[in-house]
Amino acid sequence: MNPWRLLAKHAGWLILGLALLAPLVLSTYDLSILGRFLALSILGIGISLIWGHAGILSLGQGVFFGLGGYALAMHLKMVADQGMPDFMLWNGVESLPWWWQPFQSGAFALVMVLVVPALMSALLGWLVFRRRITGVYIALITQALTLAFSTLLVSQQGLTGGFNGLTNFRSLFGYRLADPDVRIILYYVSLIVLAGVYRGAAWVTRTHLGKILLAIRDGENRVRFSGYNTASYKTFAFALSGMLAGIAGALYTLHVGVISPAMVGVVPSIEMVVWVALGGRDSLAGAVLGTLLGNLAKDQISSAFPEMWLYVIGALFVLVVTALPKGLIGIAQQSRKVAGQWGKPALKLRDERPGA
């Protein structure tokens, strides 16, 4: 077999093997950063499902990311402060709000990480898709929702921690989050969840549901005229993407140790879409690749030149839209085709002379 084809066929296993060995060569700090990127890649897969496979451009995934992060952070904060969070006391809140109380249970918080983002995204999808709102209008609605969500978090200082968000977490289920061994476990948990989500999403794209979503992306009216309720399919995909964003938000919160409105606002939500576009929105592998490389570039550039990152991400988006519509995966696929042609033996022309 051509070595290029062999490498492409087993690239996923090779990358997974390298990821498994990362704790042996990376420091605890670098491993935590890589864990954040893996968590965000889960969100990238969700965006690829709705944008690349269903044609739904959402600029509001930061909302569902934040709901998952805040759901777990509420439990972590109460455990750290042994009851009422300190910022509530500073703001004169006399008793723990009723909607905070169930989050004293870690099991309840983990369930809410899945349920709350899924329900909120399903509700939004049902309200929007049943009215046949499509295209740029969905992008505008979801972006407006993101702005409203982040503004609400900032304005409710005594209930949400305001601009500073929720931080100063110490332990999860009795395990100290600062312990190096716990950091390694969190990394492997993120890696395992990412691998499971990737396999599950890949399976969805191969099912009848995945084929219907592709058909909706390419011609929703034709699918509707064929007797399918396209709003139901799109709502399900949107809810699934929202749940994946919530999982990503919870894992990211564990790695970073904080969740705040700055992480769930308009700019982060746009960045999430740019990462997927960079890798290739039609490909789940491209979504993961774009998220990893995009965040690595952000980490390096924003550390050296903090004021330059927004210009860089803007330039990346323009580059992808104008020159790389299929992202980096498109370049890799084209290179693989070229390499495959080079690896083929030259065709010999048949001698057409009589008697040959």
Protein backbone atom coordinates (compact mmCIF):
# COMPACT_ATOMS: atom_id res chain seq x y z
CA MET A 1 0.00 0.00 0.00
CA ASN A 2 1.14 3.53 -0.73
CA PRO A 3 2.77 4.93 2.46
CA TRP A 4 0.72 8.12 2.22
CA ARG A 5 -2.51 6.14 2.07
CA LEU A 6 -1.34 3.96 4.96
CA LEU A 7 -0.56 7.04 7.06
CA ALA A 8 -3.92 8.63 6.25
CA LYS A 9 -5.78 5.42 7.08
CA HIS A 10 -4.21 5.09 10.51
CA ALA A 11 -3.69 8.79 11.32
CA GLY A 12 -6.46 8.74 13.93
CA TRP A 13 -4.91 5.86 15.85
CA LEU A 14 -1.50 7.50 15.63
CA ILE A 15 -2.80 10.77 17.08
CA LEU A 16 -4.66 8.90 19.83
CA GLY A 17 -1.47 7.03 20.74
CA LEU A 18 0.49 10.28 20.97
CA ALA A 19 -2.25 11.80 23.13
CA LEU A 20 -2.13 8.83 25.49
CA LEU A 21 1.62 9.29 25.91
CA ALA A 22 1.40 13.08 26.44
CA PRO A 23 1.47 12.90 30.29
CA LEU A 24 4.88 11.23 30.05
CA VAL A 25 6.50 14.17 28.27
CA LEU A 26 4.47 17.25 29.22
CA SER A 27 4.54 19.21 32.45
CA THR A 28 1.40 19.43 34.58
CA TYR A 29 0.78 22.98 33.32
CA ASP A 30 1.14 22.06 29.64
CA LEU A 31 -0.99 18.96 30.16
CA SER A 32 -3.73 21.12 31.66
CA ILE A 33 -3.62 23.40 28.62
CA LEU A 34 -3.88 20.42 26.28
CA GLY A 35 -6.80 19.16 28.36
CA ARG A 36 -8.59 22.46 27.78
CA PHE A 37 -8.08 22.10 24.05
CA LEU A 38 -9.47 18.56 24.13
CA ALA A 39 -12.54 19.78 26.01
CA LEU A 40 -13.13 22.51 23.43
CA SER A 41 -12.77 19.93 20.66
CA ILE A 42 -15.94 18.27 21.97
CA LEU A 43 -17.73 21.53 21.37
CA GLY A 44 -16.16 21.70 17.90
CA ILE A 45 -17.65 18.31 17.02
CA GLY A 46 -21.08 19.61 18.03
CA ILE A 47 -20.69 22.65 15.78
CA SER A 48 -19.61 20.42 12.89
CA LEU A 49 -22.76 18.32 13.34
CA ILE A 50 -25.14 21.26 13.06
CA TRP A 51 -23.19 23.49 10.68
CA GLY A 52 -21.27 21.13 8.43
CA HIS A 53 -23.84 18.32 8.37
CA ALA A 54 -27.14 20.15 8.84
CA GLY A 55 -26.41 23.64 7.50
CA ILE A 56 -27.28 25.42 10.77
CA LEU A 57 -24.83 28.24 11.56
CA SER A 58 -25.07 28.98 15.27
CA LEU A 59 -23.13 31.85 16.80
CA GLY A 60 -24.50 31.10 20.25
CA GLN A 61 -22.79 27.89 21.32
CA GLY A 62 -21.15 29.88 24.10
CA VAL A 63 -24.52 29.90 25.89
CA PHE A 64 -24.71 26.11 26.12
CA PHE A 65 -20.99 25.91 26.89
CA GLY A 66 -21.57 28.33 29.76
CA LEU A 67 -24.63 26.48 31.06
CA GLY A 68 -22.60 23.29 31.37
CA GLY A 69 -19.70 25.09 32.97
CA TYR A 70 -21.83 27.01 35.46
CA ALA A 71 -23.85 23.90 36.37
CA LEU A 72 -20.73 22.11 37.59
CA ALA A 73 -19.07 25.27 38.97
CA MET A 74 -22.05 25.95 41.25
CA HIS A 75 -21.43 22.65 43.01
CA LEU A 76 -17.66 23.19 43.15
CA LYS A 77 -18.13 26.67 44.60
CA MET A 78 -20.44 25.52 47.39
CA VAL A 79 -18.06 22.70 48.28
CA ALA A 80 -15.12 25.13 48.38
CA ASP A 81 -16.96 27.67 50.56
CA GLN A 82 -18.73 25.01 52.65
CA GLY A 83 -22.18 26.35 51.96
CA MET A 84 -23.18 29.77 50.70
CA PRO A 85 -20.65 31.15 48.16
CA ASP A 86 -18.53 34.02 49.44
CA PHE A 87 -19.61 36.49 46.74
CA MET A 88 -23.23 36.17 47.92
CA LEU A 89 -22.21 37.18 51.43
CA TRP A 90 -20.27 40.15 50.04
CA ASN A 91 -23.36 41.29 48.13
CA GLY A 92 -25.74 40.98 51.07
CA VAL A 93 -27.60 37.84 49.99
CA GLU A 94 -29.03 36.43 53.21
CA SER A 95 -29.91 32.88 52.16
CA LEU A 96 -28.97 30.46 49.42
CA PRO A 97 -31.37 30.87 46.45
CA TRP A 98 -33.70 27.92 45.89
CA TRP A 99 -32.28 27.16 42.45
CA TRP A 100 -28.77 26.91 43.91
CA GLN A 101 -29.72 24.42 46.63
CA PRO A 102 -29.98 21.21 44.51
CA PHE A 103 -26.44 21.81 43.23
CA GLN A 104 -25.07 20.91 46.64
CA SER A 105 -25.26 17.36 45.26
CA GLY A 106 -22.41 16.50 42.90
CA ALA A 107 -24.49 13.85 41.13
CA PHE A 108 -27.26 16.39 40.48
CA ALA A 109 -24.74 18.86 39.10
CA LEU A 110 -23.32 16.27 36.69
CA VAL A 111 -26.80 15.43 35.43
CA MET A 112 -27.57 19.11 34.94
CA VAL A 113 -24.39 19.49 32.87
CA LEU A 114 -26.14 17.28 30.31
CA VAL A 115 -29.78 18.17 30.82
CA VAL A 116 -29.82 21.97 31.05
CA PRO A 117 -27.88 22.74 27.82
CA ALA A 118 -29.78 20.02 25.94
CA LEU A 119 -33.18 21.31 27.08
CA MET A 120 -32.34 24.96 26.41
CA SER A 121 -31.00 24.22 22.93
CA ALA A 122 -33.98 21.96 22.18
CA LEU A 123 -36.39 24.71 23.26
CA LEU A 124 -34.63 27.30 21.15
CA GLY A 125 -34.47 24.94 18.18
CA TRP A 126 -38.17 24.09 18.45
CA LEU A 127 -39.14 27.77 18.60
CA VAL A 128 -36.94 28.69 15.64
CA PHE A 129 -37.12 25.73 13.27
CA ARG A 130 -40.86 25.17 13.45
CA ARG A 131 -41.26 28.71 12.10
CA ARG A 132 -38.87 27.82 9.26
CA ILE A 133 -36.28 30.40 10.21
CA THR A 134 -33.05 29.60 8.40
CA GLY A 135 -29.73 30.99 7.24
CA VAL A 136 -28.33 34.21 8.57
CA TYR A 137 -31.37 34.83 10.77
CA ILE A 138 -30.44 31.85 12.97
CA ALA A 139 -26.91 33.23 13.30
CA LEU A 140 -28.29 36.61 14.37
CA ILE A 141 -30.78 35.12 16.84
CA THR A 142 -28.19 32.89 18.50
CA GLN A 143 -25.68 35.73 18.68
CA ALA A 144 -28.26 37.98 20.31
CA LEU A 145 -29.02 35.20 22.80
CA THR A 146 -25.32 34.98 23.64
CA LEU A 147 -25.12 38.70 24.29
CA ALA A 148 -28.22 38.57 26.51
CA PHE A 149 -26.87 35.58 28.45
CA SER A 150 -23.47 37.13 29.16
CA THR A 151 -25.12 40.45 30.10
CA LEU A 152 -27.44 38.65 32.52
CA LEU A 153 -24.51 36.89 34.19
CA VAL A 154 -22.64 40.17 34.64
CA SER A 155 -25.65 42.08 35.96
CA GLN A 156 -26.58 39.51 38.64
CA GLN A 157 -23.48 39.99 40.76
CA GLY A 158 -24.99 38.55 43.93
CA LEU A 159 -26.33 35.40 42.27
CA THR A 160 -23.83 34.51 39.56
CA GLY A 161 -20.58 36.10 40.68
CA GLY A 162 -20.92 38.85 38.07
CA PHE A 163 -18.01 39.65 35.79
CA ASN A 164 -15.60 37.57 37.88
CA GLY A 165 -17.74 34.45 37.54
CA LEU A 166 -17.24 31.40 39.74
CA THR A 167 -13.73 30.46 40.82
CA ASN A 168 -11.53 29.27 43.71
CA PHE A 169 -12.52 25.62 43.37
CA ARG A 170 -10.62 23.16 45.53
CA SER A 171 -12.00 19.65 45.13
CA LEU A 172 -14.36 17.40 43.20
CA PHE A 173 -15.86 14.39 45.01
CA GLY A 174 -13.15 14.69 47.65
CA TYR A 175 -10.21 14.85 45.22
CA ARG A 176 -8.03 17.97 45.26
CA LEU A 177 -8.07 19.58 41.83
CA ALA A 178 -4.54 20.94 42.36
CA ASP A 179 -3.09 17.47 42.87
CA PRO A 180 -0.84 16.54 39.87
CA ASP A 181 -2.27 13.02 39.79
CA VAL A 182 -5.79 14.43 39.64
CA ARG A 183 -4.74 16.73 36.79
CA ILE A 184 -3.52 13.69 34.85
CA ILE A 185 -6.79 11.88 35.52
CA LEU A 186 -8.76 14.91 34.31
CA TYR A 187 -6.67 14.92 31.13
CA TYR A 188 -7.42 11.26 30.45
CA VAL A 189 -11.10 11.80 31.21
CA SER A 190 -11.20 14.61 28.64
CA LEU A 191 -9.39 12.44 26.10
CA ILE A 192 -11.71 9.46 26.66
CA VAL A 193 -14.83 11.62 26.46
CA LEU A 194 -13.55 13.26 23.27
CA ALA A 195 -12.83 9.86 21.69
CA GLY A 196 -16.27 8.58 22.70
CA VAL A 197 -18.03 11.69 21.40
CA TYR A 198 -16.10 11.48 18.12
CA ARG A 199 -17.05 7.83 17.59
CA GLY A 200 -20.66 8.54 18.53
CA ALA A 201 -20.91 11.56 16.22
CA ALA A 202 -19.31 9.59 13.38
CA TRP A 203 -21.91 6.87 13.90
CA VAL A 204 -24.72 9.45 13.80
CA THR A 205 -23.49 10.81 10.47
CA ARG A 206 -23.66 7.30 8.96
CA THR A 207 -27.21 6.60 10.13
CA HIS A 208 -30.47 7.50 8.41
CA LEU A 209 -30.62 10.57 10.66
CA GLY A 210 -27.23 11.73 9.40
CA LYS A 211 -28.29 11.28 5.78
CA ILE A 212 -31.47 13.26 6.37
CA LEU A 213 -29.46 16.07 7.97
CA LEU A 214 -27.18 16.20 4.91
CA ALA A 215 -30.22 16.29 2.66
CA ILE A 216 -31.68 19.15 4.73
CA ARG A 217 -28.40 21.03 4.38
CA ASP A 218 -28.39 20.63 0.61
CA GLY A 219 -32.10 21.19 -0.02
CA GLU A 220 -34.49 21.49 2.90
CA ASN A 221 -37.57 22.15 0.79
CA ARG A 222 -37.09 18.94 -1.19
CA VAL A 223 -36.77 16.97 2.06
CA ARG A 224 -39.91 18.60 3.43
CA PHE A 225 -41.84 17.86 0.25
CA SER A 226 -40.74 14.22 0.59
CA GLY A 227 -42.78 14.00 3.79
CA TYR A 228 -40.14 14.57 6.47
CA ASN A 229 -40.64 16.94 9.39
CA THR A 230 -37.36 18.80 8.97
CA ALA A 231 -37.94 20.90 12.11
CA SER A 232 -37.81 17.77 14.29
CA TYR A 233 -34.56 16.56 12.76
CA LYS A 234 -32.92 19.97 13.08
CA THR A 235 -34.15 20.38 16.66
CA PHE A 236 -32.67 17.02 17.64
CA ALA A 237 -29.32 17.87 16.05
CA PHE A 238 -29.33 21.29 17.73
CA ALA A 239 -30.10 19.74 21.13
CA LEU A 240 -27.33 17.17 20.67
CA SER A 241 -24.88 19.93 19.80
CA GLY A 242 -25.98 21.93 22.84
CA MET A 243 -25.44 18.93 25.12
CA LEU A 244 -21.93 18.43 23.72
CA ALA A 245 -21.21 22.11 24.34
CA GLY A 246 -22.35 21.67 27.96
CA ILE A 247 -20.02 18.70 28.43
CA ALA A 248 -17.17 20.75 26.97
CA GLY A 249 -17.98 23.63 29.31
CA ALA A 250 -17.88 21.40 32.41
CA LEU A 251 -14.56 19.78 31.46
CA TYR A 252 -13.08 23.16 30.53
CA THR A 253 -14.11 24.58 33.90
CA LEU A 254 -12.33 21.75 35.69
CA HIS A 255 -9.13 22.35 33.73
CA VAL A 256 -9.14 26.15 34.03
CA GLY A 257 -10.59 26.47 37.52
CA VAL A 258 -12.96 29.29 36.60
CA ILE A 259 -16.04 30.03 34.50
CA SER A 260 -17.05 33.61 33.77
CA PRO A 261 -19.13 35.68 31.33
CA ALA A 262 -15.96 36.50 29.37
CA MET A 263 -15.77 32.81 28.34
CA VAL A 264 -19.33 32.58 27.03
CA GLY A 265 -19.85 35.92 25.29
CA VAL A 266 -20.12 36.92 21.65
CA VAL A 267 -16.40 36.85 20.83
CA PRO A 268 -15.77 33.33 22.22
CA SER A 269 -18.84 32.05 20.36
CA ILE A 270 -17.53 33.45 17.09
CA GLU A 271 -14.09 32.00 17.77
CA MET A 272 -15.65 28.55 18.20
CA VAL A 273 -17.10 28.75 14.69
CA VAL A 274 -13.80 30.01 13.23
CA TRP A 275 -11.94 27.01 14.71
CA VAL A 276 -14.32 24.58 13.00
CA ALA A 277 -14.13 26.49 9.73
CA LEU A 278 -10.34 26.42 9.92
CA GLY A 279 -10.24 22.65 10.23
CA GLY A 280 -13.11 21.96 7.85
CA ARG A 281 -16.74 22.19 8.90
CA ASP A 282 -17.81 19.15 6.83
CA SER A 283 -15.44 16.87 8.73
CA LEU A 284 -15.56 15.81 12.37
CA ALA A 285 -11.80 15.25 12.26
CA GLY A 286 -11.42 18.71 10.77
CA ALA A 287 -13.41 20.22 13.63
CA VAL A 288 -11.07 18.59 16.16
CA LEU A 289 -7.97 19.56 14.19
CA GLY A 290 -9.09 23.15 13.74
CA THR A 291 -9.99 23.50 17.42
CA LEU A 292 -6.64 22.14 18.58
CA LEU A 293 -4.55 24.23 16.18
CA GLY A 294 -6.69 27.35 16.62
CA ASN A 295 -6.40 27.28 20.40
CA LEU A 296 -2.69 26.50 20.23
CA ALA A 297 -2.20 29.55 18.02
CA LYS A 298 -4.34 31.64 20.37
CA ASP A 299 -2.33 30.52 23.39
CA GLN A 300 1.00 31.34 21.74
CA ILE A 301 0.03 34.59 20.01
CA SER A 302 -2.04 36.06 22.84
CA SER A 303 0.81 35.36 25.27
CA ALA A 304 3.41 37.13 23.13
CA PHE A 305 1.19 39.79 21.52
CA PRO A 306 -2.08 40.12 23.48
CA GLU A 307 -3.45 42.92 21.31
CA MET A 308 -2.89 41.04 18.05
CA TRP A 309 -5.09 37.98 18.55
CA LEU A 310 -8.38 39.51 17.37
CA TYR A 311 -6.69 40.68 14.17
CA VAL A 312 -5.23 37.22 13.62
CA ILE A 313 -8.53 35.43 14.09
CA GLY A 314 -10.21 37.90 11.74
CA ALA A 315 -7.56 37.24 9.12
CA LEU A 316 -7.97 33.48 9.59
CA PHE A 317 -11.70 33.73 9.01
CA VAL A 318 -11.22 35.77 5.83
CA LEU A 319 -8.59 33.29 4.61
CA VAL A 320 -10.83 30.29 5.19
CA VAL A 321 -13.87 31.87 3.54
CA THR A 322 -12.00 33.10 0.47
CA ALA A 323 -9.26 30.53 -0.12
CA LEU A 324 -9.90 27.44 2.02
CA PRO A 325 -13.65 26.70 2.00
CA LYS A 326 -13.01 23.09 3.09
CA GLY A 327 -10.40 24.06 5.67
CA LEU A 328 -7.20 22.22 6.48
CA ILE A 329 -8.86 18.85 5.97
CA GLY A 330 -9.58 19.88 2.39
CA ILE A 331 -5.88 20.56 1.86
CA ALA A 332 -4.99 17.20 3.40
CA GLN A 333 -7.49 15.37 1.21
CA GLN A 334 -6.17 17.06 -1.90
CA SER A 335 -2.58 16.28 -0.94
CA ARG A 336 -3.52 12.65 -0.35
CA LYS A 337 -5.04 12.43 -3.81
CA VAL A 338 -1.89 13.90 -5.37
CA ALA A 339 0.30 11.54 -3.36
CA GLY A 340 -1.87 8.63 -4.46
CA GLN A 341 -1.43 9.62 -8.10
CA TRP A 342 2.34 9.79 -7.65
CA GLY A 343 2.33 6.34 -6.10
CA LYS A 344 0.57 4.73 -9.07
CA PRO A 345 2.68 3.05 -11.75
CA ALA A 346 2.73 4.78 -15.10
CA LEU A 347 0.20 3.34 -17.54
CA LYS A 348 1.71 1.62 -20.54
CA LEU A 349 0.18 2.41 -23.90
CA ARG A 350 -0.98 -0.63 -25.76
CA ASP A 351 0.63 -1.25 -29.13
CA GLU A 352 -2.18 -0.88 -31.63
CA ARG A 353 -0.23 -2.23 -34.63
CA PRO A 354 -1.82 -5.12 -36.44
CA GLY A 355 -0.60 -8.39 -35.07
CA ALA A 356 0.69 -6.82 -31.86
